[in-house]
Protein backbone atom coordinates (compact mmCIF):
# COMPACT_ATOMS: atom_id res chain seq x y z
CA MET A 1 -0.02 0.01 0.05
CA HIS A 2 1.24 3.44 -0.89
CA LEU A 3 -0.22 6.84 -0.12
CA TYR A 4 1.20 10.24 -1.28
CA MET A 5 -0.04 13.35 0.41
CA GLN A 6 0.81 17.03 -0.15
CA THR A 7 -0.09 20.39 1.43
CA PRO A 8 -2.34 22.69 -0.64
CA PRO A 9 -0.54 25.34 -2.70
CA GLY A 10 0.30 28.46 -0.61
CA ALA A 11 3.21 30.37 0.69
CA GLY A 12 6.50 28.61 0.41
CA ALA A 13 7.39 25.27 -1.12
CA PRO A 14 4.77 22.50 -0.84
CA ARG A 15 5.36 19.74 1.73
CA TYR A 16 4.73 16.12 0.97
CA CYS A 17 4.32 12.88 2.86
CA ARG A 18 4.64 9.36 1.47
CA ILE A 19 3.38 6.47 3.57
CA ALA A 20 4.02 2.89 2.38
CA LEU A 21 3.24 -0.46 3.96
CA GLU A 22 5.09 -3.51 2.49
CA GLN A 23 5.35 -7.17 3.47
CA ASP A 24 8.83 -8.61 3.77
CA LEU A 25 9.89 -12.07 2.68
CA LEU A 26 9.60 -13.41 6.35
CA GLY A 27 5.95 -12.47 6.74
CA GLY A 28 6.57 -9.21 8.71
CA TRP A 29 5.38 -5.80 7.68
CA THR A 30 7.37 -2.59 7.29
CA LEU A 31 5.87 0.89 7.45
CA TYR A 32 7.84 3.61 5.68
CA ARG A 33 7.04 7.36 6.34
CA GLU A 34 8.85 9.84 4.21
CA SER A 35 8.18 13.57 4.54
CA GLY A 36 9.81 16.82 3.46
CA THR A 37 9.60 19.76 1.07
CA GLU A 38 9.37 19.34 -2.71
CA GLY A 39 12.90 19.74 -4.05
CA GLY A 40 14.41 19.94 -0.53
CA ARG A 41 15.51 17.69 2.29
CA ALA A 42 13.46 14.61 3.28
CA THR A 43 13.16 12.42 6.37
CA LEU A 44 12.59 8.69 6.09
CA LYS A 45 11.39 6.62 9.13
CA ARG A 46 10.85 2.89 9.13
CA GLU A 47 8.89 0.72 11.61
CA VAL A 48 8.67 -3.05 11.54
CA TYR A 49 5.58 -4.97 12.66
CA LEU A 50 5.06 -8.74 13.05
CA ASP A 51 1.36 -8.89 12.22
CA ARG A 52 -0.78 -7.27 9.58
CA ASP A 53 -3.38 -5.81 11.92
CA ALA A 54 -0.88 -3.77 13.90
CA ALA A 55 0.80 -2.63 10.72
CA LEU A 56 -2.54 -1.45 9.20
CA ALA A 57 -3.42 0.27 12.43
CA ALA A 58 -0.10 2.20 12.31
CA PHE A 59 -0.64 3.02 8.64
CA GLU A 60 -4.12 4.43 9.30
CA HIS A 61 -2.80 6.31 12.40
CA ALA A 62 0.01 7.92 10.32
CA ARG A 63 -2.48 8.86 7.52
CA ASP A 64 -4.95 10.37 9.96
CA ALA A 65 -2.24 12.39 11.67
CA GLN A 66 -1.29 13.91 8.30
CA LEU A 67 -4.85 14.60 7.32
CA LYS A 68 -5.21 16.57 10.59
CA ARG A 69 -2.15 18.68 9.75
CA GLY A 70 -3.81 19.80 6.43
CA PHE A 71 -2.33 17.38 4.01
CA LYS A 72 -4.46 16.25 0.97
CA VAL A 73 -4.30 12.75 -0.55
CA MET A 74 -2.87 13.01 -4.01
CA ILE A 75 -2.19 9.36 -5.00
CA THR A 76 -3.21 6.05 -3.55
CA GLN A 77 -2.16 2.61 -4.61
CA GLY A 78 -3.50 -0.58 -2.91
CA VAL A 79 -5.59 1.26 -0.38
CA ASP A 80 -9.27 0.35 -0.21
CA ALA A 81 -10.46 3.33 1.80
CA PRO A 82 -7.83 6.08 1.84
CA HIS A 83 -9.89 8.56 3.74
CA GLY A 84 -10.87 6.29 6.66
């Protein structure tokens, strides 16, 4: 699952957030959260989960936190209900 979010156009460079949830070869799940400014520095964080339910809950929590900060969903891939 991949989700790309961006702040609405306004003053300054737009900020973005990419959230991805991927299953590894051993059956675990990795949540990637990348954020930064377009054309600028970015931060990448990675969290590992052993079961799918915990990983999905973390994915949804990260998505909801960015929505509360004013980010808008631009691209979704493999997400059934991107807006909760």
